[in-house]
PDB file of N, CA and C in Angstrom:
ATOM      1  N   MET A   1     -19.249  -2.702   4.321  1.00  0.00           N
ATOM      2  CA  MET A   1     -19.437  -1.557   3.442  1.00  0.00           C
ATOM      3  C   MET A   1     -19.423  -0.261   4.249  1.00  0.00           C
ATOM      4  N   GLY A   2     -18.848   0.732   3.650  1.00  0.00           N
ATOM      5  CA  GLY A   2     -18.827   2.038   4.279  1.00  0.00           C
ATOM      6  C   GLY A   2     -19.989   2.877   3.778  1.00  0.00           C
ATOM      7  N   LEU A   3     -19.822   4.174   3.800  1.00  0.00           N
ATOM      8  CA  LEU A   3     -20.863   5.092   3.351  1.00  0.00           C
ATOM      9  C   LEU A   3     -21.151   4.936   1.865  1.00  0.00           C
ATOM     10  N   PHE A   4     -22.402   5.108   1.501  1.00  0.00           N
ATOM     11  CA  PHE A   4     -22.834   5.133   0.108  1.00  0.00           C
ATOM     12  C   PHE A   4     -22.507   3.846  -0.643  1.00  0.00           C
ATOM     13  N   GLY A   5     -22.436   2.722   0.075  1.00  0.00           N
ATOM     14  CA  GLY A   5     -22.204   1.436  -0.570  1.00  0.00           C
ATOM     15  C   GLY A   5     -20.790   1.204  -1.061  1.00  0.00           C
ATOM     16  N   LYS A   6     -19.885   2.128  -0.732  1.00  0.00           N
ATOM     17  CA  LYS A   6     -18.492   1.949  -1.138  1.00  0.00           C
ATOM     18  C   LYS A   6     -17.814   1.001  -0.153  1.00  0.00           C
ATOM     19  N   PRO A   7     -16.840   0.195  -0.622  1.00  0.00           N
ATOM     20  CA  PRO A   7     -16.118  -0.663   0.304  1.00  0.00           C
ATOM     21  C   PRO A   7     -15.473   0.183   1.404  1.00  0.00           C
ATOM     22  N   LYS A   8     -15.474  -0.352   2.617  1.00  0.00           N
ATOM     23  CA  LYS A   8     -14.908   0.364   3.759  1.00  0.00           C
ATOM     24  C   LYS A   8     -13.390   0.508   3.634  1.00  0.00           C
ATOM     25  N   HIS A   9     -12.771  -0.490   3.007  1.00  0.00           N
ATOM     26  CA  HIS A   9     -11.317  -0.491   2.843  1.00  0.00           C
ATOM     27  C   HIS A   9     -10.997  -0.601   1.353  1.00  0.00           C
ATOM     28  N   LYS A  10      -9.764  -0.231   0.996  1.00  0.00           N
ATOM     29  CA  LYS A  10      -9.330  -0.401  -0.393  1.00  0.00           C
ATOM     30  C   LYS A  10      -9.268  -1.892  -0.695  1.00  0.00           C
ATOM     31  N   GLU A  11      -9.796  -2.255  -1.845  1.00  0.00           N
ATOM     32  CA  GLU A  11      -9.792  -3.657  -2.251  1.00  0.00           C
ATOM     33  C   GLU A  11      -9.073  -3.807  -3.578  1.00  0.00           C
ATOM     34  N   LEU A  12      -8.297  -4.871  -3.672  1.00  0.00           N
ATOM     35  CA  LEU A  12      -7.637  -5.221  -4.923  1.00  0.00           C
ATOM     36  C   LEU A  12      -8.239  -6.524  -5.429  1.00  0.00           C
ATOM     37  N   THR A  13      -8.339  -6.672  -6.736  1.00  0.00           N
ATOM     38  CA  THR A  13      -8.709  -7.967  -7.295  1.00  0.00           C
ATOM     39  C   THR A  13      -7.460  -8.846  -7.287  1.00  0.00           C
ATOM     40  N   ALA A  14      -7.668 -10.137  -7.479  1.00  0.00           N
ATOM     41  CA  ALA A  14      -6.531 -11.057  -7.534  1.00  0.00           C
ATOM     42  C   ALA A  14      -5.568 -10.651  -8.658  1.00  0.00           C
ATOM     43  N   ALA A  15      -6.113 -10.265  -9.808  1.00  0.00           N
ATOM     44  CA  ALA A  15      -5.260  -9.868 -10.938  1.00  0.00           C
ATOM     45  C   ALA A  15      -4.460  -8.604 -10.620  1.00  0.00           C
ATOM     46  N   GLN A  16      -5.096  -7.637  -9.933  1.00  0.00           N
ATOM     47  CA  GLN A  16      -4.383  -6.411  -9.559  1.00  0.00           C
ATOM     48  C   GLN A  16      -3.249  -6.730  -8.588  1.00  0.00           C
ATOM     49  N   LEU A  17      -3.535  -7.591  -7.611  1.00  0.00           N
ATOM     50  CA  LEU A  17      -2.500  -7.953  -6.638  1.00  0.00           C
ATOM     51  C   LEU A  17      -1.357  -8.701  -7.313  1.00  0.00           C
ATOM     52  N   LYS A  18      -1.670  -9.618  -8.214  1.00  0.00           N
ATOM     53  CA  LYS A  18      -0.632 -10.379  -8.924  1.00  0.00           C
ATOM     54  C   LYS A  18       0.265  -9.416  -9.697  1.00  0.00           C
ATOM     55  N   ALA A  19      -0.313  -8.436 -10.368  1.00  0.00           N
ATOM     56  CA  ALA A  19       0.475  -7.463 -11.131  1.00  0.00           C
ATOM     57  C   ALA A  19       1.380  -6.661 -10.191  1.00  0.00           C
ATOM     58  N   MET A  20       0.846  -6.264  -9.021  1.00  0.00           N
ATOM     59  CA  MET A  20       1.670  -5.513  -8.059  1.00  0.00           C
ATOM     60  C   MET A  20       2.814  -6.374  -7.530  1.00  0.00           C
ATOM     61  N   LEU A  21       2.538  -7.638  -7.246  1.00  0.00           N
ATOM     62  CA  LEU A  21       3.590  -8.545  -6.770  1.00  0.00           C
ATOM     63  C   LEU A  21       4.657  -8.734  -7.842  1.00  0.00           C
ATOM     64  N   ASP A  22       4.225  -8.897  -9.082  1.00  0.00           N
ATOM     65  CA  ASP A  22       5.173  -9.068 -10.192  1.00  0.00           C
ATOM     66  C   ASP A  22       6.089  -7.855 -10.339  1.00  0.00           C
ATOM     67  N   ARG A  23       5.568  -6.666 -10.015  1.00  0.00           N
ATOM     68  CA  ARG A  23       6.363  -5.431 -10.113  1.00  0.00           C
ATOM     69  C   ARG A  23       7.124  -5.138  -8.808  1.00  0.00           C
ATOM     70  N   GLY A  24       6.970  -5.996  -7.807  1.00  0.00           N
ATOM     71  CA  GLY A  24       7.652  -5.777  -6.534  1.00  0.00           C
ATOM     72  C   GLY A  24       7.058  -4.642  -5.726  1.00  0.00           C
ATOM     73  N   GLU A  25       5.762  -4.364  -5.923  1.00  0.00           N
ATOM     74  CA  GLU A  25       5.125  -3.215  -5.274  1.00  0.00           C
ATOM     75  C   GLU A  25       4.283  -3.582  -4.051  1.00  0.00           C
ATOM     76  N   ALA A  26       4.163  -4.877  -3.753  1.00  0.00           N
ATOM     77  CA  ALA A  26       3.275  -5.292  -2.659  1.00  0.00           C
ATOM     78  C   ALA A  26       3.926  -6.362  -1.789  1.00  0.00           C
ATOM     79  N   GLN A  27       3.503  -6.385  -0.528  1.00  0.00           N
ATOM     80  CA  GLN A  27       3.842  -7.456   0.414  1.00  0.00           C
ATOM     81  C   GLN A  27       2.520  -7.951   0.977  1.00  0.00           C
ATOM     82  N   VAL A  28       2.267  -9.254   0.857  1.00  0.00           N
ATOM     83  CA  VAL A  28       1.017  -9.833   1.330  1.00  0.00           C
ATOM     84  C   VAL A  28       1.183 -10.312   2.770  1.00  0.00           C
ATOM     85  N   VAL A  29       0.206  -9.969   3.600  1.00  0.00           N
ATOM     86  CA  VAL A  29       0.140 -10.461   4.976  1.00  0.00           C
ATOM     87  C   VAL A  29      -1.158 -11.260   5.094  1.00  0.00           C
ATOM     88  N   ASP A  30      -1.029 -12.566   5.321  1.00  0.00           N
ATOM     89  CA  ASP A  30      -2.159 -13.487   5.408  1.00  0.00           C
ATOM     90  C   ASP A  30      -2.574 -13.598   6.869  1.00  0.00           C
ATOM     91  N   VAL A  31      -3.824 -13.254   7.176  1.00  0.00           N
ATOM     92  CA  VAL A  31      -4.281 -13.250   8.570  1.00  0.00           C
ATOM     93  C   VAL A  31      -5.045 -14.530   8.942  1.00  0.00           C
ATOM     94  N   ARG A  32      -4.955 -15.565   8.079  1.00  0.00           N
ATOM     95  CA  ARG A  32      -5.566 -16.843   8.432  1.00  0.00           C
ATOM     96  C   ARG A  32      -4.714 -17.546   9.495  1.00  0.00           C
ATOM     97  N   GLU A  33      -5.291 -18.540  10.126  1.00  0.00           N
ATOM     98  CA  GLU A  33      -4.567 -19.295  11.147  1.00  0.00           C
ATOM     99  C   GLU A  33      -3.485 -20.154  10.489  1.00  0.00           C
ATOM    100  N   PRO A  34      -2.415 -20.501  11.239  1.00  0.00           N
ATOM    101  CA  PRO A  34      -1.294 -21.241  10.658  1.00  0.00           C
ATOM    102  C   PRO A  34      -1.688 -22.532   9.945  1.00  0.00           C
ATOM    103  N   ASP A  35      -2.677 -23.268  10.471  1.00  0.00           N
ATOM    104  CA  ASP A  35      -3.071 -24.522   9.822  1.00  0.00           C
ATOM    105  C   ASP A  35      -3.685 -24.265   8.440  1.00  0.00           C
ATOM    106  N   GLU A  36      -4.368 -23.136   8.265  1.00  0.00           N
ATOM    107  CA  GLU A  36      -4.920 -22.774   6.960  1.00  0.00           C
ATOM    108  C   GLU A  36      -3.797 -22.316   6.027  1.00  0.00           C
ATOM    109  N   PHE A  37      -2.885 -21.522   6.571  1.00  0.00           N
ATOM    110  CA  PHE A  37      -1.783 -20.947   5.798  1.00  0.00           C
ATOM    111  C   PHE A  37      -0.921 -22.040   5.167  1.00  0.00           C
ATOM    112  N   VAL A  38      -0.586 -23.090   5.943  1.00  0.00           N
ATOM    113  CA  VAL A  38       0.296 -24.143   5.420  1.00  0.00           C
ATOM    114  C   VAL A  38      -0.375 -24.968   4.327  1.00  0.00           C
ATOM    115  N   GLN A  39      -1.701 -24.948   4.278  1.00  0.00           N
ATOM    116  CA  GLN A  39      -2.412 -25.698   3.240  1.00  0.00           C
ATOM    117  C   GLN A  39      -2.322 -25.013   1.879  1.00  0.00           C
ATOM    118  N   GLY A  40      -1.937 -23.741   1.869  1.00  0.00           N
ATOM    119  CA  GLY A  40      -1.763 -23.011   0.623  1.00  0.00           C
ATOM    120  C   GLY A  40      -1.916 -21.525   0.846  1.00  0.00           C
ATOM    121  N   HIS A  41      -1.009 -20.744   0.258  1.00  0.00           N
ATOM    122  CA  HIS A  41      -1.048 -19.292   0.406  1.00  0.00           C
ATOM    123  C   HIS A  41      -0.421 -18.631  -0.813  1.00  0.00           C
ATOM    124  N   ILE A  42      -0.609 -17.322  -0.894  1.00  0.00           N
ATOM    125  CA  ILE A  42      -0.013 -16.538  -1.970  1.00  0.00           C
ATOM    126  C   ILE A  42       1.508 -16.575  -1.790  1.00  0.00           C
ATOM    127  N   PRO A  43       2.248 -16.889  -2.858  1.00  0.00           N
ATOM    128  CA  PRO A  43       3.712 -16.963  -2.738  1.00  0.00           C
ATOM    129  C   PRO A  43       4.308 -15.695  -2.119  1.00  0.00           C
ATOM    130  N   GLY A  44       5.176 -15.901  -1.127  1.00  0.00           N
ATOM    131  CA  GLY A  44       5.853 -14.794  -0.463  1.00  0.00           C
ATOM    132  C   GLY A  44       5.067 -14.160   0.670  1.00  0.00           C
ATOM    133  N   ALA A  45       3.834 -14.633   0.908  1.00  0.00           N
ATOM    134  CA  ALA A  45       3.004 -14.043   1.963  1.00  0.00           C
ATOM    135  C   ALA A  45       3.583 -14.341   3.345  1.00  0.00           C
ATOM    136  N   LEU A  46       3.380 -13.401   4.262  1.00  0.00           N
ATOM    137  CA  LEU A  46       3.742 -13.583   5.659  1.00  0.00           C
ATOM    138  C   LEU A  46       2.482 -13.980   6.412  1.00  0.00           C
ATOM    139  N   ASN A  47       2.610 -14.845   7.412  1.00  0.00           N
ATOM    140  CA  ASN A  47       1.446 -15.276   8.185  1.00  0.00           C
ATOM    141  C   ASN A  47       1.405 -14.538   9.515  1.00  0.00           C
ATOM    142  N   MET A  48       0.337 -13.770   9.709  1.00  0.00           N
ATOM    143  CA  MET A  48       0.092 -13.056  10.971  1.00  0.00           C
ATOM    144  C   MET A  48      -1.372 -13.286  11.338  1.00  0.00           C
ATOM    145  N   PRO A  49      -1.668 -14.411  12.021  1.00  0.00           N
ATOM    146  CA  PRO A  49      -3.057 -14.794  12.289  1.00  0.00           C
ATOM    147  C   PRO A  49      -3.865 -13.706  13.001  1.00  0.00           C
ATOM    148  N   LEU A  50      -5.132 -13.576  12.589  1.00  0.00           N
ATOM    149  CA  LEU A  50      -6.020 -12.593  13.190  1.00  0.00           C
ATOM    150  C   LEU A  50      -6.153 -12.809  14.696  1.00  0.00           C
ATOM    151  N   SER A  51      -6.085 -14.073  15.140  1.00  0.00           N
ATOM    152  CA  SER A  51      -6.261 -14.383  16.568  1.00  0.00           C
ATOM    153  C   SER A  51      -5.216 -13.695  17.444  1.00  0.00           C
ATOM    154  N   SER A  52      -4.063 -13.364  16.861  1.00  0.00           N
ATOM    155  CA  SER A  52      -3.021 -12.667  17.622  1.00  0.00           C
ATOM    156  C   SER A  52      -2.531 -11.424  16.881  1.00  0.00           C
ATOM    157  N   PHE A  53      -3.353 -10.915  15.968  1.00  0.00           N
ATOM    158  CA  PHE A  53      -2.969  -9.796  15.099  1.00  0.00           C
ATOM    159  C   PHE A  53      -2.781  -8.508  15.888  1.00  0.00           C
ATOM    160  N   SER A  54      -1.717  -7.807  15.555  1.00  0.00           N
ATOM    161  CA  SER A  54      -1.468  -6.485  16.118  1.00  0.00           C
ATOM    162  C   SER A  54      -0.904  -5.593  15.020  1.00  0.00           C
ATOM    163  N   PRO A  55      -1.568  -4.477  14.723  1.00  0.00           N
ATOM    164  CA  PRO A  55      -1.040  -3.576  13.692  1.00  0.00           C
ATOM    165  C   PRO A  55       0.409  -3.163  13.969  1.00  0.00           C
ATOM    166  N   ALA A  56       0.781  -3.064  15.242  1.00  0.00           N
ATOM    167  CA  ALA A  56       2.143  -2.663  15.597  1.00  0.00           C
ATOM    168  C   ALA A  56       3.170  -3.708  15.177  1.00  0.00           C
ATOM    169  N   SER A  57       2.729  -4.950  14.972  1.00  0.00           N
ATOM    170  CA  SER A  57       3.650  -6.026  14.590  1.00  0.00           C
ATOM    171  C   SER A  57       3.821  -6.165  13.085  1.00  0.00           C
ATOM    172  N   LEU A  58       3.078  -5.393  12.313  1.00  0.00           N
ATOM    173  CA  LEU A  58       3.207  -5.481  10.856  1.00  0.00           C
ATOM    174  C   LEU A  58       4.632  -5.128  10.441  1.00  0.00           C
ATOM    175  N   PRO A  59       5.144  -5.816   9.426  1.00  0.00           N
ATOM    176  CA  PRO A  59       6.521  -5.552   8.995  1.00  0.00           C
ATOM    177  C   PRO A  59       6.661  -4.188   8.336  1.00  0.00           C
ATOM    178  N   ASP A  60       7.885  -3.683   8.335  1.00  0.00           N
ATOM    179  CA  ASP A  60       8.189  -2.475   7.572  1.00  0.00           C
ATOM    180  C   ASP A  60       8.051  -2.857   6.105  1.00  0.00           C
ATOM    181  N   SER A  61       7.238  -2.155   5.387  1.00  0.00           N
ATOM    182  CA  SER A  61       6.948  -2.546   4.008  1.00  0.00           C
ATOM    183  C   SER A  61       7.997  -2.090   2.998  1.00  0.00           C
ATOM    184  N   SER A  62       8.997  -1.358   3.436  1.00  0.00           N
ATOM    185  CA  SER A  62      10.070  -0.891   2.550  1.00  0.00           C
ATOM    186  C   SER A  62       9.530  -0.261   1.268  1.00  0.00           C
ATOM    187  N   GLY A  63       8.516   0.580   1.419  1.00  0.00           N
ATOM    188  CA  GLY A  63       7.955   1.272   0.265  1.00  0.00           C
ATOM    189  C   GLY A  63       6.915   0.480  -0.500  1.00  0.00           C
ATOM    190  N   LYS A  64       6.696  -0.780  -0.119  1.00  0.00           N
ATOM    191  CA  LYS A  64       5.679  -1.599  -0.784  1.00  0.00           C
ATOM    192  C   LYS A  64       4.328  -1.382  -0.092  1.00  0.00           C
ATOM    193  N   THR A  65       3.267  -1.673  -0.814  1.00  0.00           N
ATOM    194  CA  THR A  65       1.921  -1.635  -0.245  1.00  0.00           C
ATOM    195  C   THR A  65       1.696  -2.939   0.513  1.00  0.00           C
ATOM    196  N   LEU A  66       1.360  -2.835   1.797  1.00  0.00           N
ATOM    197  CA  LEU A  66       1.001  -4.033   2.548  1.00  0.00           C
ATOM    198  C   LEU A  66      -0.450  -4.367   2.210  1.00  0.00           C
ATOM    199  N   VAL A  67      -0.675  -5.603   1.785  1.00  0.00           N
ATOM    200  CA  VAL A  67      -2.014  -6.055   1.400  1.00  0.00           C
ATOM    201  C   VAL A  67      -2.376  -7.245   2.279  1.00  0.00           C
ATOM    202  N   LEU A  68      -3.458  -7.090   3.040  1.00  0.00           N
ATOM    203  CA  LEU A  68      -3.904  -8.175   3.906  1.00  0.00           C
ATOM    204  C   LEU A  68      -4.815  -9.115   3.132  1.00  0.00           C
ATOM    205  N   ASN A  69      -4.775 -10.399   3.504  1.00  0.00           N
ATOM    206  CA  ASN A  69      -5.729 -11.343   2.921  1.00  0.00           C
ATOM    207  C   ASN A  69      -6.066 -12.432   3.927  1.00  0.00           C
ATOM    208  N   CYS A  70      -7.215 -13.061   3.687  1.00  0.00           N
ATOM    209  CA  CYS A  70      -7.656 -14.213   4.475  1.00  0.00           C
ATOM    210  C   CYS A  70      -8.284 -15.174   3.471  1.00  0.00           C
ATOM    211  N   LEU A  71      -9.261 -15.957   3.880  1.00  0.00           N
ATOM    212  CA  LEU A  71      -9.864 -16.888   2.924  1.00  0.00           C
ATOM    213  C   LEU A  71     -10.858 -16.196   2.000  1.00  0.00           C
ATOM    214  N   GLY A  72     -11.727 -15.346   2.569  1.00  0.00           N
ATOM    215  CA  GLY A  72     -12.765 -14.737   1.746  1.00  0.00           C
ATOM    216  C   GLY A  72     -12.869 -13.226   1.827  1.00  0.00           C
ATOM    217  N   GLY A  73     -12.139 -12.602   2.753  1.00  0.00           N
ATOM    218  CA  GLY A  73     -12.155 -11.143   2.869  1.00  0.00           C
ATOM    219  C   GLY A  73     -12.691 -10.616   4.181  1.00  0.00           C
ATOM    220  N   LYS A  74     -13.380 -11.456   4.971  1.00  0.00           N
ATOM    221  CA  LYS A  74     -13.960 -10.975   6.225  1.00  0.00           C
ATOM    222  C   LYS A  74     -12.891 -10.722   7.292  1.00  0.00           C
ATOM    223  N   ARG A  75     -12.020 -11.696   7.521  1.00  0.00           N
ATOM    224  CA  ARG A  75     -10.999 -11.522   8.572  1.00  0.00           C
ATOM    225  C   ARG A  75      -9.985 -10.440   8.211  1.00  0.00           C
ATOM    226  N   SER A  76      -9.628 -10.331   6.937  1.00  0.00           N
ATOM    227  CA  SER A  76      -8.702  -9.256   6.549  1.00  0.00           C
ATOM    228  C   SER A  76      -9.367  -7.898   6.759  1.00  0.00           C
ATOM    229  N   GLY A  77     -10.677  -7.825   6.547  1.00  0.00           N
ATOM    230  CA  GLY A  77     -11.413  -6.590   6.831  1.00  0.00           C
ATOM    231  C   GLY A  77     -11.390  -6.253   8.314  1.00  0.00           C
ATOM    232  N   LEU A  78     -11.542  -7.286   9.172  1.00  0.00           N
ATOM    233  CA  LEU A  78     -11.471  -7.066  10.622  1.00  0.00           C
ATOM    234  C   LEU A  78     -10.072  -6.600  11.026  1.00  0.00           C
ATOM    235  N   ALA A  79      -9.039  -7.183  10.414  1.00  0.00           N
ATOM    236  CA  ALA A  79      -7.668  -6.754  10.700  1.00  0.00           C
ATOM    237  C   ALA A  79      -7.459  -5.306  10.252  1.00  0.00           C
ATOM    238  N   LEU A  80      -8.052  -4.941   9.108  1.00  0.00           N
ATOM    239  CA  LEU A  80      -7.939  -3.552   8.641  1.00  0.00           C
ATOM    240  C   LEU A  80      -8.663  -2.599   9.582  1.00  0.00           C
ATOM    241  N   ASP A  81      -9.780  -3.053  10.185  1.00  0.00           N
ATOM    242  CA  ASP A  81     -10.455  -2.225  11.190  1.00  0.00           C
ATOM    243  C   ASP A  81      -9.500  -1.941  12.346  1.00  0.00           C
ATOM    244  N   GLN A  82      -8.724  -2.950  12.762  1.00  0.00           N
ATOM    245  CA  GLN A  82      -7.734  -2.759  13.837  1.00  0.00           C
ATOM    246  C   GLN A  82      -6.653  -1.777  13.395  1.00  0.00           C
ATOM    247  N   CYS A  83      -6.212  -1.911  12.147  1.00  0.00           N
ATOM    248  CA  CYS A  83      -5.205  -0.982  11.617  1.00  0.00           C
ATOM    249  C   CYS A  83      -5.739   0.447  11.630  1.00  0.00           C
ATOM    250  N   ASP A  84      -6.987   0.605  11.230  1.00  0.00           N
ATOM    251  CA  ASP A  84      -7.621   1.925  11.206  1.00  0.00           C
ATOM    252  C   ASP A  84      -7.675   2.505  12.620  1.00  0.00           C
ATOM    253  N   ALA A  85      -8.084   1.689  13.587  1.00  0.00           N
ATOM    254  CA  ALA A  85      -8.177   2.141  14.975  1.00  0.00           C
ATOM    255  C   ALA A  85      -6.811   2.521  15.530  1.00  0.00           C
ATOM    256  N   ALA A  86      -5.763   1.839  15.051  1.00  0.00           N
ATOM    257  CA  ALA A  86      -4.402   2.104  15.514  1.00  0.00           C
ATOM    258  C   ALA A  86      -3.725   3.213  14.700  1.00  0.00           C
ATOM    259  N   LYS A  87      -4.486   3.838  13.795  1.00  0.00           N
ATOM    260  CA  LYS A  87      -3.960   4.903  12.926  1.00  0.00           C
ATOM    261  C   LYS A  87      -2.804   4.408  12.050  1.00  0.00           C
ATOM    262  N   SER A  88      -2.870   3.125  11.678  1.00  0.00           N
ATOM    263  CA  SER A  88      -1.883   2.537  10.778  1.00  0.00           C
ATOM    264  C   SER A  88      -2.203   2.978   9.355  1.00  0.00           C
ATOM    265  N   ALA A  89      -1.188   3.053   8.520  1.00  0.00           N
ATOM    266  CA  ALA A  89      -1.386   3.438   7.121  1.00  0.00           C
ATOM    267  C   ALA A  89      -1.882   2.258   6.281  1.00  0.00           C
ATOM    268  N   VAL A  90      -1.911   1.059   6.857  1.00  0.00           N
ATOM    269  CA  VAL A  90      -2.348  -0.125   6.113  1.00  0.00           C
ATOM    270  C   VAL A  90      -3.859  -0.074   5.923  1.00  0.00           C
ATOM    271  N   ASP A  91      -4.298  -0.100   4.648  1.00  0.00           N
ATOM    272  CA  ASP A  91      -5.727   0.070   4.372  1.00  0.00           C
ATOM    273  C   ASP A  91      -6.224  -0.739   3.181  1.00  0.00           C
ATOM    274  N   THR A  92      -5.472  -1.772   2.780  1.00  0.00           N
ATOM    275  CA  THR A  92      -5.792  -2.497   1.554  1.00  0.00           C
ATOM    276  C   THR A  92      -5.869  -3.996   1.807  1.00  0.00           C
ATOM    277  N   HIS A  93      -6.873  -4.635   1.191  1.00  0.00           N
ATOM    278  CA  HIS A  93      -6.919  -6.089   1.253  1.00  0.00           C
ATOM    279  C   HIS A  93      -7.382  -6.679  -0.074  1.00  0.00           C
ATOM    280  N   LEU A  94      -7.242  -7.999  -0.179  1.00  0.00           N
ATOM    281  CA  LEU A  94      -7.588  -8.720  -1.395  1.00  0.00           C
ATOM    282  C   LEU A  94      -9.076  -9.039  -1.389  1.00  0.00           C
ATOM    283  N   ALA A  95      -9.808  -8.493  -2.345  1.00  0.00           N
ATOM    284  CA  ALA A  95     -11.246  -8.770  -2.465  1.00  0.00           C
ATOM    285  C   ALA A  95     -11.445 -10.253  -2.740  1.00  0.00           C
ATOM    286  N   GLY A  96     -12.267 -10.901  -1.925  1.00  0.00           N
ATOM    287  CA  GLY A  96     -12.513 -12.330  -2.110  1.00  0.00           C
ATOM    288  C   GLY A  96     -11.439 -13.214  -1.516  1.00  0.00           C
ATOM    289  N   GLY A  97     -10.374 -12.604  -0.996  1.00  0.00           N
ATOM    290  CA  GLY A  97      -9.324 -13.335  -0.284  1.00  0.00           C
ATOM    291  C   GLY A  97      -8.621 -14.404  -1.104  1.00  0.00           C
ATOM    292  N   PHE A  98      -8.027 -15.349  -0.365  1.00  0.00           N
ATOM    293  CA  PHE A  98      -7.261 -16.420  -0.997  1.00  0.00           C
ATOM    294  C   PHE A  98      -8.149 -17.256  -1.912  1.00  0.00           C
ATOM    295  N   GLY A  99      -9.432 -17.357  -1.568  1.00  0.00           N
ATOM    296  CA  GLY A  99     -10.358 -18.098  -2.427  1.00  0.00           C
ATOM    297  C   GLY A  99     -10.405 -17.519  -3.828  1.00  0.00           C
ATOM    298  N   ALA A 100     -10.456 -16.186  -3.924  1.00  0.00           N
ATOM    299  CA  ALA A 100     -10.480 -15.514  -5.231  1.00  0.00           C
ATOM    300  C   ALA A 100      -9.152 -15.711  -5.957  1.00  0.00           C
ATOM    301  N   TRP A 101      -8.051 -15.670  -5.201  1.00  0.00           N
ATOM    302  CA  TRP A 101      -6.719 -15.874  -5.779  1.00  0.00           C
ATOM    303  C   TRP A 101      -6.631 -17.264  -6.412  1.00  0.00           C
ATOM    304  N   ALA A 102      -7.006 -18.284  -5.641  1.00  0.00           N
ATOM    305  CA  ALA A 102      -6.926 -19.664  -6.128  1.00  0.00           C
ATOM    306  C   ALA A 102      -7.892 -19.882  -7.298  1.00  0.00           C
ATOM    307  N   GLN A 103      -9.091 -19.304  -7.193  1.00  0.00           N
ATOM    308  CA  GLN A 103     -10.090 -19.465  -8.258  1.00  0.00           C
ATOM    309  C   GLN A 103      -9.610 -18.843  -9.570  1.00  0.00           C
ATOM    310  N   ALA A 104      -8.784 -17.801  -9.447  1.00  0.00           N
ATOM    311  CA  ALA A 104      -8.245 -17.146 -10.639  1.00  0.00           C
ATOM    312  C   ALA A 104      -7.105 -17.959 -11.260  1.00  0.00           C
ATOM    313  N   GLY A 105      -6.742 -19.071 -10.612  1.00  0.00           N
ATOM    314  CA  GLY A 105      -5.689 -19.926 -11.161  1.00  0.00           C
ATOM    315  C   GLY A 105      -4.291 -19.379 -10.952  1.00  0.00           C
ATOM    316  N   LEU A 106      -4.141 -18.493  -9.971  1.00  0.00           N
ATOM    317  CA  LEU A 106      -2.831 -17.893  -9.706  1.00  0.00           C
ATOM    318  C   LEU A 106      -1.984 -18.823  -8.838  1.00  0.00           C
ATOM    319  N   PRO A 107      -0.660 -18.625  -8.811  1.00  0.00           N
ATOM    320  CA  PRO A 107       0.226 -19.560  -8.113  1.00  0.00           C
ATOM    321  C   PRO A 107      -0.079 -19.647  -6.612  1.00  0.00           C
ATOM    322  N   VAL A 108       0.061 -20.856  -6.100  1.00  0.00           N
ATOM    323  CA  VAL A 108      -0.156 -21.132  -4.670  1.00  0.00           C
ATOM    324  C   VAL A 108       1.101 -21.798  -4.130  1.00  0.00           C
ATOM    325  N   GLU A 109       1.548 -21.303  -2.986  1.00  0.00           N
ATOM    326  CA  GLU A 109       2.733 -21.853  -2.318  1.00  0.00           C
ATOM    327  C   GLU A 109       2.251 -22.727  -1.172  1.00  0.00           C
ATOM    328  N   ARG A 110       2.901 -23.876  -0.977  1.00  0.00           N
ATOM    329  CA  ARG A 110       2.547 -24.772   0.123  1.00  0.00           C
ATOM    330  C   ARG A 110       3.769 -25.101   0.928  1.00  0.00           C
TER     331      ARG A 110
END
């Protein structure tokens, strides 16, 4: 949490992210480790594990919002801290992570 109890980073709900993906407005970057990623991820997500994460390696988003996610939101928040320190424009992640996505019954790619 940042100042005044507001989230430190921009957060999207699973439904908001799904709507953005449906409109072609977002690219998901999953910062979980490869063994977690292969067990199930948001369709079209790219895997960039936090263990080797570098904001400089993030893909060109081609006008889309890059949205980071992990299992529950902690690791994507840590990756966003790195983006912030690197003065990257990436500042958004999925609230509740992949767990929230799956719990919402949204599509999972394996």
